[in-house]
Amino acid sequence: MIRITSFLATAALMLASLCASAASEFGTIDEAKALVKKAAAYVDKNGREKSFEDFSRSPGPFVDRDLYVVVYDMQGLALAHPNPKWRGKNMMELRDQSGHNWVKERTELALKGQPNGLQDTQIFNPTTKKVEPKRVYWERHGDLIIASGAYIK
């Protein structure tokens, strides 16, 4: 009986470990929110120039699995992005696969005084190389919008 119990306990631990490692392969919306808050504090402590450089490095301290930080100004200009082709580009008219203009929407909400929000979009996932649904958390930080999102699995 002890052997069976020991075997079942070991099997349960192995299964739990396998599930935990599979679940940790991708970021969650709670982790994306935490990354945005970490990025906002980092800007306050280190200034914009260093922060935007660090946010844009991939791999870097603000890229975690499929999570990353982006920063826009209130005109939709990408000030920090891990994809170098997006840095310095105005993203205001960018639309996702379904036609959703998410940068414009979040900028308008921030300009109206909304301090943060969640948005659903469909965008290219650099980890899987596929267009996938994504939930994005954004926060207004002075005249900046800092965002990160989790692909919905």
Protein backbone atom coordinates (compact mmCIF):
# COMPACT_ATOMS: atom_id res chain seq x y z
CA MET A 1 0.00 0.00 0.00
CA ILE A 2 2.84 2.39 0.84
CA ARG A 3 4.44 1.70 -2.56
CA ILE A 4 1.20 2.49 -4.39
CA THR A 5 0.71 5.70 -2.41
CA SER A 6 4.33 6.70 -3.06
CA PHE A 7 3.97 5.95 -6.76
CA LEU A 8 0.75 7.99 -7.01
CA ALA A 9 2.29 10.91 -5.13
CA THR A 10 5.33 10.87 -7.42
CA ALA A 11 3.13 10.67 -10.51
CA ALA A 12 1.01 13.57 -9.26
CA LEU A 13 4.12 15.70 -8.65
CA MET A 14 5.47 14.91 -12.11
CA LEU A 15 2.13 15.82 -13.71
CA ALA A 16 1.93 19.08 -11.72
CA SER A 17 5.48 19.94 -12.75
CA LEU A 18 4.72 19.23 -16.40
CA CYS A 19 1.59 21.41 -16.28
CA ALA A 20 3.47 24.23 -14.55
CA SER A 21 6.26 24.23 -17.11
CA ALA A 22 3.77 24.21 -20.01
CA ALA A 23 1.81 27.06 -18.44
CA SER A 24 4.94 29.14 -17.90
CA GLU A 25 5.94 28.97 -21.58
CA PHE A 26 3.71 32.00 -22.28
CA GLY A 27 3.08 35.17 -20.31
CA THR A 28 -0.22 36.04 -18.64
CA ILE A 29 -2.14 39.30 -18.53
CA ASP A 30 -1.27 39.64 -14.83
CA GLU A 31 2.42 39.35 -15.73
CA ALA A 32 1.91 41.92 -18.52
CA LYS A 33 0.34 44.34 -16.01
CA ALA A 34 3.26 43.82 -13.64
CA LEU A 35 5.70 44.47 -16.49
CA VAL A 36 3.96 47.78 -17.32
CA LYS A 37 4.14 48.87 -13.68
CA LYS A 38 7.81 47.85 -13.51
CA ALA A 39 8.47 49.86 -16.70
CA ALA A 40 6.72 52.97 -15.33
CA ALA A 41 8.81 52.83 -12.15
CA TYR A 42 11.92 52.30 -14.28
CA VAL A 43 11.20 55.48 -16.29
CA ASP A 44 10.83 57.44 -13.04
CA LYS A 45 14.12 56.11 -11.70
CA ASN A 46 16.29 56.04 -14.85
CA GLY A 47 14.84 58.67 -17.18
CA ARG A 48 13.37 58.30 -20.63
CA GLU A 49 16.49 57.82 -22.76
CA LYS A 50 17.92 54.89 -20.80
CA SER A 51 14.46 53.40 -20.22
CA PHE A 52 13.48 53.48 -23.90
CA GLU A 53 16.81 51.88 -24.85
CA ASP A 54 16.33 49.12 -22.26
CA PHE A 55 12.68 48.55 -23.21
CA SER A 56 13.73 48.17 -26.86
CA ARG A 57 16.43 45.54 -26.29
CA SER A 58 15.51 42.00 -27.25
CA PRO A 59 16.55 39.97 -25.48
CA GLY A 60 16.55 42.43 -22.63
CA PRO A 61 15.24 43.16 -19.15
CA PHE A 62 11.75 44.06 -20.40
CA VAL A 63 11.23 41.09 -22.72
CA ASP A 64 9.95 37.97 -20.99
CA ARG A 65 8.99 35.01 -23.18
CA ASP A 66 6.23 36.46 -25.40
CA LEU A 67 5.74 39.54 -23.17
CA TYR A 68 7.40 42.85 -23.99
CA VAL A 69 6.94 46.56 -23.27
CA VAL A 70 6.05 49.23 -25.82
CA VAL A 71 5.86 52.98 -25.22
CA TYR A 72 3.97 55.55 -27.30
CA ASP A 73 3.62 59.29 -26.97
CA MET A 74 0.18 60.92 -27.17
CA GLN A 75 0.50 61.30 -30.94
CA GLY A 76 1.04 57.56 -31.45
CA LEU A 77 4.81 57.70 -32.00
CA ALA A 78 6.53 54.47 -30.88
CA LEU A 79 9.28 55.59 -28.52
CA ALA A 80 10.24 52.10 -27.37
CA HIS A 81 9.59 48.74 -29.03
CA PRO A 82 11.65 45.54 -29.16
CA ASN A 83 11.12 45.38 -32.93
CA PRO A 84 13.52 47.98 -34.41
CA LYS A 85 11.34 48.55 -37.49
CA TRP A 86 8.58 50.02 -35.27
CA ARG A 87 10.75 52.40 -33.20
CA GLY A 88 10.33 56.02 -34.20
CA LYS A 89 7.28 55.25 -36.35
CA ASN A 90 3.89 56.81 -35.90
CA MET A 91 1.52 53.95 -35.12
CA MET A 92 -1.67 55.99 -34.90
CA GLU A 93 -3.23 54.50 -38.04
CA LEU A 94 -1.98 50.94 -37.49
CA ARG A 95 -4.74 48.34 -37.56
CA ASP A 96 -4.79 44.71 -36.51
CA GLN A 97 -5.96 41.79 -38.65
CA SER A 98 -9.62 42.54 -37.86
CA GLY A 99 -9.30 46.27 -38.69
CA HIS A 100 -9.15 47.39 -35.03
CA ASN A 101 -7.15 50.61 -34.63
CA TRP A 102 -5.85 49.90 -31.14
CA VAL A 103 -3.13 52.59 -30.84
CA LYS A 104 -5.57 55.35 -31.77
CA GLU A 105 -8.19 53.93 -29.39
CA ARG A 106 -5.84 53.73 -26.40
CA THR A 107 -4.41 57.20 -27.13
CA GLU A 108 -7.88 58.74 -27.29
CA LEU A 109 -8.86 57.05 -24.03
CA ALA A 110 -5.68 58.28 -22.33
CA LEU A 111 -6.22 61.83 -23.61
CA LYS A 112 -9.77 61.75 -22.20
CA GLY A 113 -8.32 61.01 -18.76
CA GLN A 114 -8.62 57.22 -18.55
CA PRO A 115 -5.53 56.14 -16.56
CA ASN A 116 -5.32 52.57 -17.91
CA GLY A 117 -7.24 49.89 -19.72
CA LEU A 118 -7.42 46.52 -21.40
CA GLN A 119 -7.75 45.98 -25.13
CA ASP A 120 -8.26 42.87 -27.20
CA THR A 121 -6.53 42.70 -30.56
CA GLN A 122 -5.16 40.21 -33.07
CA ILE A 123 -1.50 40.67 -33.78
CA PHE A 124 1.61 38.84 -34.89
CA ASN A 125 3.21 36.82 -32.10
CA PRO A 126 7.01 36.90 -32.58
CA THR A 127 7.35 33.72 -30.50
CA THR A 128 4.97 31.50 -32.48
CA LYS A 129 5.26 33.44 -35.78
CA LYS A 130 1.44 33.47 -36.09
CA VAL A 131 -1.29 36.11 -35.84
CA GLU A 132 -3.01 35.43 -32.53
CA PRO A 133 -5.52 37.09 -30.21
CA LYS A 134 -3.86 39.25 -27.58
CA ARG A 135 -5.09 41.13 -24.51
CA VAL A 136 -3.11 44.31 -23.91
CA TYR A 137 -2.87 46.25 -20.66
CA TRP A 138 -1.90 49.90 -21.06
CA GLU A 139 -1.25 52.68 -18.59
CA ARG A 140 -0.90 56.42 -19.02
CA HIS A 141 2.30 57.65 -17.42
CA GLY A 142 2.46 61.44 -17.76
CA ASP A 143 2.51 62.06 -21.51
CA LEU A 144 3.42 58.44 -22.28
CA ILE A 145 1.41 55.28 -22.82
CA ILE A 146 3.19 52.16 -21.60
CA ALA A 147 1.74 48.83 -22.70
CA SER A 148 2.30 45.10 -22.62
CA GLY A 149 0.03 42.22 -23.48
CA ALA A 150 -0.43 38.50 -23.31
CA TYR A 151 -1.37 36.32 -26.22
CA ILE A 152 -4.58 34.46 -25.46
CA LYS A 153 -4.07 30.70 -25.58
